[in-house]
Amino acid sequence: MKRIIIFASGSGSNAENIIKYFKTTKTAIVTHVLSNNEHAKVFERCKQLKTKCLHFTKIQFSQTNEIINMLKKEADYIILAGFLWKVPSKITDAFPNKIINIHPALLPKYGGKGMYGMNVHKAIKENKEVETGITIHFVNEKYDDGAIIFQEKTSISADDSPEMIAKKVHKLEYVHFPNIIEKVILENE
């Protein structure tokens, strides 16, 4: 059984969905959730799900070997679920094609630094897009630049607010993200 560590910065709804999904499979198990935000709601979710959740600092993440050493010991795969920091190359180099992110738009559109969450949905609304979706991709040393694994679209009407767009995107995330993670793991075995 493969070991997954999830990185999250916010509410942790995708992390919760992934944890619950893998509790029902023999493919993998989520052993830890790591968060750079000590006030993130993901800590409450992990407590309810009896999953270890640890806070770390920018220094621990990018200037020391504390996080990379833990990952090398404890993880086969790393999943970014609403994690906002760029992953240092020492981690991407150590886990080639084993770090997976979900982005709330159809990359390469609406990607890059600062393009996350409502920032993406507002930009999509402002640009009068007729569709959006999710992109699940491997992570490299650049924001939203790794090879695309999977995309799924949803239509947008002119009346949709950024909040309504976010709900449509979240539905896609919850349905597809755990399945695609499992598919990647099974294909790599």
N, C-alpha and C. Protein backbone atom coordinates (compact mmCIF):
# COMPACT_ATOMS: atom_id res chain seq x y z
N MET A 1 0.85 -1.18 0.00
CA MET A 1 0.00 0.00 0.00
C MET A 1 0.89 1.24 0.00
N LYS A 2 0.61 2.15 -0.93
CA LYS A 2 1.40 3.37 -1.05
C LYS A 2 0.97 4.39 0.00
N ARG A 3 1.93 5.25 0.35
CA ARG A 3 1.69 6.28 1.37
C ARG A 3 1.59 7.65 0.71
N ILE A 4 0.55 8.38 1.07
CA ILE A 4 0.30 9.72 0.53
C ILE A 4 0.44 10.73 1.65
N ILE A 5 1.13 11.82 1.34
CA ILE A 5 1.12 12.99 2.22
C ILE A 5 0.48 14.12 1.42
N ILE A 6 -0.50 14.77 2.03
CA ILE A 6 -1.21 15.89 1.40
C ILE A 6 -0.68 17.19 1.97
N PHE A 7 -0.48 18.17 1.09
CA PHE A 7 -0.18 19.54 1.50
C PHE A 7 -1.43 20.37 1.27
N ALA A 8 -1.84 21.14 2.27
CA ALA A 8 -3.03 21.99 2.16
C ALA A 8 -2.77 23.31 2.88
N SER A 9 -3.42 24.37 2.40
CA SER A 9 -3.26 25.68 3.02
C SER A 9 -4.55 26.24 3.60
N GLY A 10 -5.69 25.65 3.26
CA GLY A 10 -6.96 26.28 3.62
C GLY A 10 -7.95 25.37 4.33
N SER A 11 -9.16 25.34 3.79
CA SER A 11 -10.25 24.64 4.46
C SER A 11 -10.07 23.13 4.49
N GLY A 12 -9.41 22.58 3.49
CA GLY A 12 -9.12 21.16 3.49
C GLY A 12 -10.24 20.28 2.97
N SER A 13 -11.18 20.83 2.22
CA SER A 13 -12.28 20.00 1.72
C SER A 13 -11.77 18.94 0.74
N ASN A 14 -10.83 19.29 -0.13
CA ASN A 14 -10.25 18.29 -1.03
C ASN A 14 -9.42 17.27 -0.26
N ALA A 15 -8.69 17.73 0.75
CA ALA A 15 -7.91 16.80 1.58
C ALA A 15 -8.84 15.80 2.25
N GLU A 16 -9.94 16.28 2.81
CA GLU A 16 -10.91 15.40 3.46
C GLU A 16 -11.46 14.38 2.47
N ASN A 17 -11.82 14.83 1.29
CA ASN A 17 -12.35 13.95 0.25
C ASN A 17 -11.34 12.86 -0.12
N ILE A 18 -10.08 13.23 -0.25
CA ILE A 18 -9.02 12.27 -0.60
C ILE A 18 -8.80 11.27 0.54
N ILE A 19 -8.76 11.76 1.78
CA ILE A 19 -8.57 10.88 2.94
C ILE A 19 -9.69 9.85 3.00
N LYS A 20 -10.93 10.31 2.87
CA LYS A 20 -12.08 9.39 2.92
C LYS A 20 -12.03 8.38 1.78
N TYR A 21 -11.68 8.84 0.59
CA TYR A 21 -11.62 7.94 -0.57
C TYR A 21 -10.62 6.82 -0.33
N PHE A 22 -9.43 7.16 0.12
CA PHE A 22 -8.39 6.14 0.26
C PHE A 22 -8.58 5.25 1.49
N LYS A 23 -9.48 5.62 2.40
CA LYS A 23 -9.83 4.71 3.50
C LYS A 23 -10.63 3.52 2.97
N THR A 24 -11.15 3.64 1.75
CA THR A 24 -11.98 2.57 1.18
C THR A 24 -11.24 1.76 0.10
N THR A 25 -9.96 2.00 -0.08
CA THR A 25 -9.20 1.28 -1.12
C THR A 25 -8.00 0.57 -0.49
N LYS A 26 -7.41 -0.28 -1.27
CA LYS A 26 -6.17 -0.95 -0.84
C LYS A 26 -4.96 -0.41 -1.61
N THR A 27 -5.19 0.67 -2.38
CA THR A 27 -4.14 1.25 -3.20
C THR A 27 -3.17 2.10 -2.39
N ALA A 28 -3.73 2.94 -1.52
CA ALA A 28 -2.90 3.90 -0.78
C ALA A 28 -3.63 4.33 0.49
N ILE A 29 -2.88 4.99 1.35
CA ILE A 29 -3.44 5.57 2.56
C ILE A 29 -2.80 6.94 2.77
N VAL A 30 -3.60 7.89 3.23
CA VAL A 30 -3.08 9.21 3.57
C VAL A 30 -2.54 9.11 4.99
N THR A 31 -1.23 9.28 5.12
CA THR A 31 -0.60 9.15 6.45
C THR A 31 -0.52 10.47 7.19
N HIS A 32 -0.37 11.57 6.44
CA HIS A 32 -0.22 12.89 7.06
C HIS A 32 -0.82 13.95 6.13
N VAL A 33 -1.23 15.05 6.75
CA VAL A 33 -1.52 16.29 6.03
C VAL A 33 -0.58 17.33 6.62
N LEU A 34 0.09 18.06 5.75
CA LEU A 34 0.99 19.13 6.18
C LEU A 34 0.42 20.47 5.74
N SER A 35 0.47 21.46 6.60
CA SER A 35 -0.08 22.77 6.26
C SER A 35 0.88 23.88 6.67
N ASN A 36 0.98 24.86 5.80
CA ASN A 36 1.78 26.05 6.07
C ASN A 36 0.98 27.10 6.82
N ASN A 37 -0.31 26.85 7.03
CA ASN A 37 -1.20 27.81 7.68
C ASN A 37 -1.69 27.22 8.99
N GLU A 38 -1.14 27.71 10.11
CA GLU A 38 -1.49 27.11 11.40
C GLU A 38 -2.94 27.33 11.80
N HIS A 39 -3.66 28.22 11.10
CA HIS A 39 -5.07 28.48 11.40
C HIS A 39 -6.02 27.83 10.38
N ALA A 40 -5.48 27.01 9.50
CA ALA A 40 -6.28 26.39 8.45
C ALA A 40 -7.32 25.44 9.03
N LYS A 41 -8.48 25.43 8.41
CA LYS A 41 -9.57 24.54 8.84
C LYS A 41 -9.22 23.07 8.61
N VAL A 42 -8.22 22.81 7.78
CA VAL A 42 -7.82 21.43 7.52
C VAL A 42 -7.43 20.71 8.81
N PHE A 43 -6.93 21.42 9.82
CA PHE A 43 -6.57 20.80 11.08
C PHE A 43 -7.79 20.19 11.77
N GLU A 44 -8.92 20.91 11.75
CA GLU A 44 -10.17 20.39 12.33
C GLU A 44 -10.62 19.14 11.57
N ARG A 45 -10.58 19.21 10.25
CA ARG A 45 -11.01 18.06 9.43
C ARG A 45 -10.15 16.83 9.75
N CYS A 46 -8.84 17.03 9.83
CA CYS A 46 -7.94 15.91 10.10
C CYS A 46 -8.19 15.31 11.48
N LYS A 47 -8.47 16.16 12.45
CA LYS A 47 -8.75 15.66 13.80
C LYS A 47 -9.98 14.75 13.76
N GLN A 48 -11.03 15.18 13.06
CA GLN A 48 -12.25 14.38 12.95
C GLN A 48 -11.99 13.06 12.20
N LEU A 49 -11.07 13.10 11.24
CA LEU A 49 -10.77 11.93 10.42
C LEU A 49 -9.64 11.07 11.00
N LYS A 50 -9.13 11.48 12.16
CA LYS A 50 -8.03 10.77 12.82
C LYS A 50 -6.81 10.59 11.90
N THR A 51 -6.47 11.70 11.24
CA THR A 51 -5.31 11.75 10.35
C THR A 51 -4.33 12.78 10.90
N LYS A 52 -3.06 12.43 10.97
CA LYS A 52 -2.05 13.35 11.49
C LYS A 52 -1.99 14.59 10.60
N CYS A 53 -1.96 15.75 11.25
CA CYS A 53 -1.86 17.03 10.51
C CYS A 53 -0.83 17.89 11.23
N LEU A 54 0.18 18.32 10.49
CA LEU A 54 1.29 19.06 11.07
C LEU A 54 1.47 20.41 10.39
N HIS A 55 1.83 21.40 11.18
CA HIS A 55 2.13 22.74 10.64
C HIS A 55 3.63 22.84 10.39
N PHE A 56 4.00 23.56 9.33
CA PHE A 56 5.41 23.82 9.07
C PHE A 56 5.57 25.26 8.59
N THR A 57 6.80 25.75 8.70
CA THR A 57 7.11 27.13 8.34
C THR A 57 7.81 27.18 6.98
N LYS A 58 7.90 28.37 6.45
CA LYS A 58 8.61 28.60 5.19
C LYS A 58 10.08 28.16 5.31
N ILE A 59 10.68 28.45 6.43
CA ILE A 59 12.08 28.07 6.66
C ILE A 59 12.23 26.55 6.65
N GLN A 60 11.33 25.85 7.36
CA GLN A 60 11.38 24.38 7.37
C GLN A 60 11.18 23.80 5.97
N PHE A 61 10.35 24.46 5.19
CA PHE A 61 9.99 23.95 3.87
C PHE A 61 11.09 24.15 2.85
N SER A 62 11.67 25.33 2.83
CA SER A 62 12.59 25.62 1.74
C SER A 62 14.04 25.88 2.14
N GLN A 63 14.30 26.15 3.42
CA GLN A 63 15.67 26.48 3.80
C GLN A 63 16.37 25.41 4.63
N THR A 64 15.60 24.45 5.12
CA THR A 64 16.22 23.32 5.85
C THR A 64 15.82 22.03 5.12
N ASN A 65 16.34 20.92 5.61
CA ASN A 65 15.99 19.62 5.02
C ASN A 65 14.94 18.88 5.84
N GLU A 66 14.34 19.57 6.80
CA GLU A 66 13.38 18.93 7.70
C GLU A 66 12.20 18.30 6.95
N ILE A 67 11.58 19.05 6.05
CA ILE A 67 10.40 18.54 5.33
C ILE A 67 10.81 17.50 4.29
N ILE A 68 11.83 17.77 3.53
CA ILE A 68 12.26 16.80 2.51
C ILE A 68 12.66 15.48 3.16
N ASN A 69 13.34 15.53 4.30
CA ASN A 69 13.73 14.30 4.98
C ASN A 69 12.51 13.51 5.45
N MET A 70 11.52 14.21 5.98
CA MET A 70 10.29 13.55 6.40
C MET A 70 9.59 12.90 5.20
N LEU A 71 9.50 13.64 4.09
CA LEU A 71 8.84 13.13 2.90
C LEU A 71 9.55 11.87 2.37
N LYS A 72 10.86 11.92 2.33
CA LYS A 72 11.62 10.76 1.84
C LYS A 72 11.38 9.52 2.70
N LYS A 73 11.17 9.72 4.01
CA LYS A 73 10.93 8.62 4.92
C LYS A 73 9.48 8.14 4.91
N GLU A 74 8.54 9.08 4.73
CA GLU A 74 7.13 8.79 4.99
C GLU A 74 6.21 8.78 3.77
N ALA A 75 6.67 9.24 2.60
CA ALA A 75 5.74 9.41 1.47
C ALA A 75 6.20 8.68 0.22
N ASP A 76 5.24 8.10 -0.48
CA ASP A 76 5.46 7.61 -1.84
C ASP A 76 4.93 8.62 -2.84
N TYR A 77 3.85 9.32 -2.46
CA TYR A 77 3.24 10.35 -3.31
C TYR A 77 2.92 11.56 -2.46
N ILE A 78 2.98 12.72 -3.10
CA ILE A 78 2.63 13.99 -2.46
C ILE A 78 1.48 14.59 -3.27
N ILE A 79 0.43 15.00 -2.57
CA ILE A 79 -0.73 15.59 -3.22
C ILE A 79 -0.88 17.02 -2.72
N LEU A 80 -0.99 17.95 -3.66
CA LEU A 80 -1.25 19.35 -3.30
C LEU A 80 -2.75 19.58 -3.46
N ALA A 81 -3.40 19.90 -2.35
CA ALA A 81 -4.85 20.10 -2.35
C ALA A 81 -5.13 21.48 -1.75
N GLY A 82 -5.07 22.49 -2.60
CA GLY A 82 -5.24 23.85 -2.11
C GLY A 82 -4.01 24.35 -1.39
N PHE A 83 -2.86 23.94 -1.86
CA PHE A 83 -1.59 24.38 -1.27
C PHE A 83 -1.04 25.52 -2.12
N LEU A 84 -0.69 26.64 -1.49
CA LEU A 84 -0.41 27.86 -2.23
C LEU A 84 1.05 28.19 -2.45
N TRP A 85 1.97 27.50 -1.81
CA TRP A 85 3.38 27.80 -2.00
C TRP A 85 3.96 27.00 -3.16
N LYS A 86 4.96 27.59 -3.80
CA LYS A 86 5.70 26.87 -4.83
C LYS A 86 6.57 25.82 -4.14
N VAL A 87 6.58 24.63 -4.72
CA VAL A 87 7.34 23.53 -4.13
C VAL A 87 8.81 23.67 -4.54
N PRO A 88 9.73 23.65 -3.57
CA PRO A 88 11.16 23.80 -3.89
C PRO A 88 11.65 22.65 -4.77
N SER A 89 12.64 22.95 -5.61
CA SER A 89 13.16 21.95 -6.55
C SER A 89 13.75 20.74 -5.83
N LYS A 90 14.26 20.91 -4.61
CA LYS A 90 14.80 19.73 -3.91
C LYS A 90 13.70 18.70 -3.66
N ILE A 91 12.45 19.14 -3.53
CA ILE A 91 11.33 18.20 -3.35
C ILE A 91 10.86 17.67 -4.70
N THR A 92 10.71 18.56 -5.69
CA THR A 92 10.26 18.08 -7.01
C THR A 92 11.28 17.13 -7.62
N ASP A 93 12.55 17.39 -7.40
CA ASP A 93 13.60 16.49 -7.92
C ASP A 93 13.57 15.12 -7.24
N ALA A 94 13.22 15.10 -5.96
CA ALA A 94 13.20 13.85 -5.20
C ALA A 94 11.96 13.01 -5.50
N PHE A 95 10.91 13.63 -6.02
CA PHE A 95 9.65 12.94 -6.29
C PHE A 95 9.17 13.20 -7.72
N PRO A 96 9.95 12.83 -8.73
CA PRO A 96 9.52 13.09 -10.11
C PRO A 96 8.26 12.29 -10.45
N ASN A 97 7.27 12.99 -11.01
CA ASN A 97 5.98 12.39 -11.37
C ASN A 97 5.29 11.69 -10.20
N LYS A 98 5.57 12.20 -9.00
CA LYS A 98 4.91 11.66 -7.81
C LYS A 98 4.33 12.78 -6.94
N ILE A 99 4.32 14.00 -7.49
CA ILE A 99 3.66 15.13 -6.83
C ILE A 99 2.55 15.57 -7.77
N ILE A 100 1.33 15.56 -7.25
CA ILE A 100 0.16 15.85 -8.08
C ILE A 100 -0.59 17.04 -7.49
N ASN A 101 -0.99 17.96 -8.35
CA ASN A 101 -1.74 19.15 -7.95
C ASN A 101 -3.05 19.20 -8.70
N ILE A 102 -4.02 19.87 -8.10
CA ILE A 102 -5.26 20.18 -8.81
C ILE A 102 -5.37 21.68 -8.93
N HIS A 103 -5.74 22.14 -10.12
CA HIS A 103 -5.88 23.58 -10.38
C HIS A 103 -7.32 23.86 -10.81
N PRO A 104 -7.93 24.94 -10.30
CA PRO A 104 -9.35 25.20 -10.57
C PRO A 104 -9.60 25.95 -11.88
N ALA A 105 -8.94 25.53 -12.94
CA ALA A 105 -9.15 26.11 -14.28
C ALA A 105 -8.54 25.15 -15.29
N LEU A 106 -8.78 25.45 -16.55
CA LEU A 106 -8.25 24.63 -17.63
C LEU A 106 -6.89 25.20 -18.05
N LEU A 107 -5.84 24.66 -17.44
CA LEU A 107 -4.50 25.13 -17.79
C LEU A 107 -4.24 24.85 -19.26
N PRO A 108 -3.45 25.68 -19.94
CA PRO A 108 -2.57 26.70 -19.37
C PRO A 108 -3.24 28.03 -19.04
N LYS A 109 -4.53 28.18 -19.33
CA LYS A 109 -5.21 29.43 -18.99
C LYS A 109 -5.37 29.55 -17.47
N TYR A 110 -5.24 30.76 -16.97
CA TYR A 110 -5.50 31.10 -15.58
C TYR A 110 -4.61 30.35 -14.60
N GLY A 111 -3.36 30.15 -14.98
CA GLY A 111 -2.40 29.53 -14.10
C GLY A 111 -1.32 30.52 -13.70
N GLY A 112 -0.43 30.09 -12.83
CA GLY A 112 0.70 30.91 -12.42
C GLY A 112 0.53 31.50 -11.03
N LYS A 113 1.54 32.22 -10.61
CA LYS A 113 1.56 32.81 -9.27
C LYS A 113 0.33 33.70 -9.06
N GLY A 114 -0.31 33.51 -7.93
CA GLY A 114 -1.48 34.32 -7.57
C GLY A 114 -2.79 33.82 -8.15
N MET A 115 -2.73 32.84 -9.03
CA MET A 115 -3.95 32.32 -9.64
C MET A 115 -4.40 31.08 -8.88
N TYR A 116 -5.22 31.30 -7.88
CA TYR A 116 -5.78 30.22 -7.07
C TYR A 116 -7.16 30.65 -6.58
N GLY A 117 -7.98 29.67 -6.25
CA GLY A 117 -9.28 29.92 -5.64
C GLY A 117 -10.11 30.97 -6.35
N MET A 118 -10.65 31.88 -5.56
CA MET A 118 -11.56 32.91 -6.10
C MET A 118 -10.85 33.84 -7.08
N ASN A 119 -9.55 34.00 -6.98
CA ASN A 119 -8.83 34.82 -7.97
C ASN A 119 -9.06 34.26 -9.37
N VAL A 120 -9.01 32.94 -9.48
CA VAL A 120 -9.22 32.29 -10.78
C VAL A 120 -10.66 32.48 -11.24
N HIS A 121 -11.62 32.21 -10.36
CA HIS A 121 -13.03 32.28 -10.74
C HIS A 121 -13.46 33.70 -11.11
N LYS A 122 -12.91 34.70 -10.40
CA LYS A 122 -13.21 36.10 -10.75
C LYS A 122 -12.63 36.45 -12.12
N ALA A 123 -11.42 36.00 -12.41
CA ALA A 123 -10.79 36.27 -13.71
C ALA A 123 -11.58 35.60 -14.84
N ILE A 124 -12.04 34.40 -14.60
CA ILE A 124 -12.83 33.69 -15.61
C ILE A 124 -14.13 34.44 -15.87
N LYS A 125 -14.79 34.91 -14.83
CA LYS A 125 -16.03 35.69 -14.97
C LYS A 125 -15.76 37.00 -15.71
N GLU A 126 -14.71 37.72 -15.32
CA GLU A 126 -14.38 39.01 -15.95
C GLU A 126 -14.08 38.84 -17.44
N ASN A 127 -13.50 37.72 -17.80
CA ASN A 127 -13.16 37.47 -19.21
C ASN A 127 -14.29 36.81 -19.99
N LYS A 128 -15.46 36.69 -19.34
CA LYS A 128 -16.65 36.16 -20.00
C LYS A 128 -16.43 34.79 -20.67
N GLU A 129 -15.69 33.94 -19.98
CA GLU A 129 -15.46 32.59 -20.49
C GLU A 129 -16.79 31.82 -20.51
N VAL A 130 -16.93 30.90 -21.44
CA VAL A 130 -18.15 30.09 -21.52
C VAL A 130 -17.95 28.71 -20.90
N GLU A 131 -16.70 28.39 -20.56
CA GLU A 131 -16.43 27.14 -19.88
C GLU A 131 -15.20 27.30 -18.99
N THR A 132 -15.14 26.45 -18.01
CA THR A 132 -13.98 26.35 -17.14
C THR A 132 -13.86 24.89 -16.75
N GLY A 133 -13.10 24.61 -15.72
CA GLY A 133 -12.97 23.22 -15.31
C GLY A 133 -11.84 23.04 -14.33
N ILE A 134 -11.31 21.82 -14.34
CA ILE A 134 -10.19 21.48 -13.46
C ILE A 134 -9.06 20.90 -14.29
N THR A 135 -7.87 21.09 -13.78
CA THR A 135 -6.69 20.45 -14.36
C THR A 135 -5.95 19.74 -13.24
N ILE A 136 -5.70 18.47 -13.42
CA ILE A 136 -4.87 17.70 -12.49
C ILE A 136 -3.55 17.48 -13.20
N HIS A 137 -2.46 17.87 -12.56
CA HIS A 137 -1.17 17.83 -13.25
C HIS A 137 -0.04 17.46 -12.29
N PHE A 138 1.05 16.98 -12.88
CA PHE A 138 2.26 16.76 -12.09
C PHE A 138 2.87 18.11 -11.76
N VAL A 139 3.60 18.15 -10.67
CA VAL A 139 4.22 19.39 -10.20
C VAL A 139 5.70 19.38 -10.55
N ASN A 140 6.14 20.52 -11.09
CA ASN A 140 7.57 20.74 -11.28
C ASN A 140 7.96 22.00 -10.51
N GLU A 141 9.10 22.58 -10.81
CA GLU A 141 9.59 23.72 -10.03
C GLU A 141 8.91 25.04 -10.36
N LYS A 142 7.99 25.06 -11.33
CA LYS A 142 7.26 26.28 -11.69
C LYS A 142 5.79 26.13 -11.32
N TYR A 143 5.13 27.28 -11.08
CA TYR A 143 3.69 27.26 -10.78
C TYR A 143 2.90 26.72 -11.97
N ASP A 144 2.06 25.72 -11.73
CA ASP A 144 1.07 25.23 -12.71
C ASP A 144 1.66 24.90 -14.07
N ASP A 145 2.87 24.34 -14.07
CA ASP A 145 3.60 24.12 -15.32
C ASP A 145 3.83 22.65 -15.65
N GLY A 146 3.60 21.75 -14.70
CA GLY A 146 3.90 20.34 -14.92
C GLY A 146 2.96 19.69 -15.91
N ALA A 147 3.34 18.51 -16.37
CA ALA A 147 2.57 17.78 -17.38
C ALA A 147 1.14 17.54 -16.89
N ILE A 148 0.20 17.79 -17.80
CA ILE A 148 -1.22 17.62 -17.48
C ILE A 148 -1.56 16.13 -17.51
N ILE A 149 -2.23 15.69 -16.45
CA ILE A 149 -2.68 14.30 -16.34
C ILE A 149 -4.13 14.18 -16.80
N PHE A 150 -4.96 15.16 -16.43
CA PHE A 150 -6.41 15.05 -16.66
C PHE A 150 -7.03 16.45 -16.62
N GLN A 151 -8.03 16.66 -17.47
CA GLN A 151 -8.83 17.88 -17.42
C GLN A 151 -10.30 17.50 -17.59
N GLU A 152 -11.16 18.26 -16.94
CA GLU A 152 -12.61 18.09 -17.09
C GLU A 152 -13.23 19.47 -17.15
N LYS A 153 -14.19 19.64 -18.06
CA LYS A 153 -14.81 20.95 -18.30
C LYS A 153 -16.20 21.02 -17.70
N THR A 154 -16.62 22.26 -17.44
CA THR A 154 -18.00 22.56 -17.09
C THR A 154 -18.37 23.86 -17.77
N SER A 155 -19.62 23.97 -18.18
CA SER A 155 -20.04 25.20 -18.87
C SER A 155 -20.36 26.28 -17.84
N ILE A 156 -20.28 27.52 -18.33
CA ILE A 156 -20.58 28.69 -17.50
C ILE A 156 -21.62 29.50 -18.24
N SER A 157 -22.63 29.96 -17.52
CA SER A 157 -23.60 30.85 -18.15
C SER A 157 -23.23 32.30 -17.80
N ALA A 158 -23.75 33.22 -18.57
CA ALA A 158 -23.47 34.64 -18.34
C ALA A 158 -23.95 35.09 -16.96
N ASP A 159 -24.92 34.38 -16.41
CA ASP A 159 -25.48 34.75 -15.10
C ASP A 159 -24.69 34.18 -13.92
N ASP A 160 -23.75 33.29 -14.19
CA ASP A 160 -22.99 32.67 -13.10
C ASP A 160 -22.07 33.69 -12.42
N SER A 161 -22.15 33.76 -11.11
CA SER A 161 -21.24 34.59 -10.32
C SER A 161 -19.95 33.80 -10.11
N PRO A 162 -18.87 34.47 -9.66
CA PRO A 162 -17.65 33.72 -9.34
C PRO A 162 -17.91 32.62 -8.30
N GLU A 163 -18.82 32.88 -7.36
CA GLU A 163 -19.15 31.88 -6.35
C GLU A 163 -19.84 30.66 -6.97
N MET A 164 -20.72 30.92 -7.95
CA MET A 164 -21.39 29.81 -8.64
C MET A 164 -20.40 29.01 -9.49
N ILE A 165 -19.46 29.72 -10.09
CA ILE A 165 -18.40 29.05 -10.86
C ILE A 165 -17.58 28.16 -9.92
N ALA A 166 -17.25 28.69 -8.74
CA ALA A 166 -16.48 27.93 -7.76
C ALA A 166 -17.21 26.64 -7.39
N LYS A 167 -18.53 26.70 -7.19
CA LYS A 167 -19.30 25.49 -6.83
C LYS A 167 -19.23 24.45 -7.93
N LYS A 168 -19.34 24.90 -9.19
CA LYS A 168 -19.25 23.95 -10.31
C LYS A 168 -17.88 23.29 -10.35
N VAL A 169 -16.84 24.08 -10.13
CA VAL A 169 -15.47 23.55 -10.15
C VAL A 169 -15.25 22.59 -8.98
N HIS A 170 -15.75 22.95 -7.79
CA HIS A 170 -15.59 22.06 -6.62
C HIS A 170 -16.23 20.70 -6.88
N LYS A 171 -17.39 20.69 -7.52
CA LYS A 171 -18.04 19.41 -7.83
C LYS A 171 -17.13 18.53 -8.67
N LEU A 172 -16.50 19.13 -9.67
CA LEU A 172 -15.57 18.38 -10.52
C LEU A 172 -14.38 17.87 -9.70
N GLU A 173 -13.86 18.72 -8.82
CA GLU A 173 -12.71 18.33 -8.00
C GLU A 173 -13.04 17.11 -7.16
N TYR A 174 -14.19 17.15 -6.47
CA TYR A 174 -14.56 16.07 -5.56
C TYR A 174 -14.78 14.75 -6.31
N VAL A 175 -15.35 14.82 -7.50
CA VAL A 175 -15.60 13.61 -8.28
C VAL A 175 -14.31 13.02 -8.83
N HIS A 176 -13.43 13.86 -9.38
CA HIS A 176 -12.31 13.35 -10.16
C HIS A 176 -10.97 13.24 -9.44
N PHE A 177 -10.66 14.13 -8.50
CA PHE A 177 -9.30 14.17 -7.95
C PHE A 177 -8.87 12.83 -7.32
N PRO A 178 -9.66 12.26 -6.39
CA PRO A 178 -9.20 10.99 -5.80
C PRO A 178 -9.05 9.87 -6.84
N ASN A 179 -9.97 9.80 -7.79
CA ASN A 179 -9.91 8.76 -8.83
C ASN A 179 -8.65 8.88 -9.67
N ILE A 180 -8.30 10.10 -10.04
CA ILE A 180 -7.12 10.30 -10.88
C ILE A 180 -5.84 10.01 -10.09
N ILE A 181 -5.82 10.38 -8.82
CA ILE A 181 -4.66 10.04 -7.97
C ILE A 181 -4.47 8.53 -7.95
N GLU A 182 -5.56 7.81 -7.71
CA GLU A 182 -5.46 6.35 -7.66
C GLU A 182 -5.01 5.79 -9.01
N LYS A 183 -5.53 6.32 -10.09
CA LYS A 183 -5.17 5.85 -11.43
C LYS A 183 -3.64 6.04 -11.66
N VAL A 184 -3.10 7.19 -11.28
CA VAL A 184 -1.66 7.46 -11.43
C VAL A 184 -0.87 6.45 -10.61
N ILE A 185 -1.28 6.20 -9.38
CA ILE A 185 -0.56 5.26 -8.53
C ILE A 185 -0.57 3.87 -9.17
N LEU A 186 -1.73 3.42 -9.62
CA LEU A 186 -1.84 2.09 -10.22
C LEU A 186 -1.03 1.97 -11.50
N GLU A 187 -0.99 3.04 -12.29
CA GLU A 187 -0.22 3.01 -13.54
C GLU A 187 1.29 2.98 -13.28
N ASN A 188 1.71 3.52 -12.15
CA ASN A 188 3.14 3.56 -11.81
C ASN A 188 3.65 2.27 -11.19
N GLU A 189 2.73 1.37 -10.84
CA GLU A 189 3.14 0.14 -10.15
C GLU A 189 3.58 -0.92 -11.15
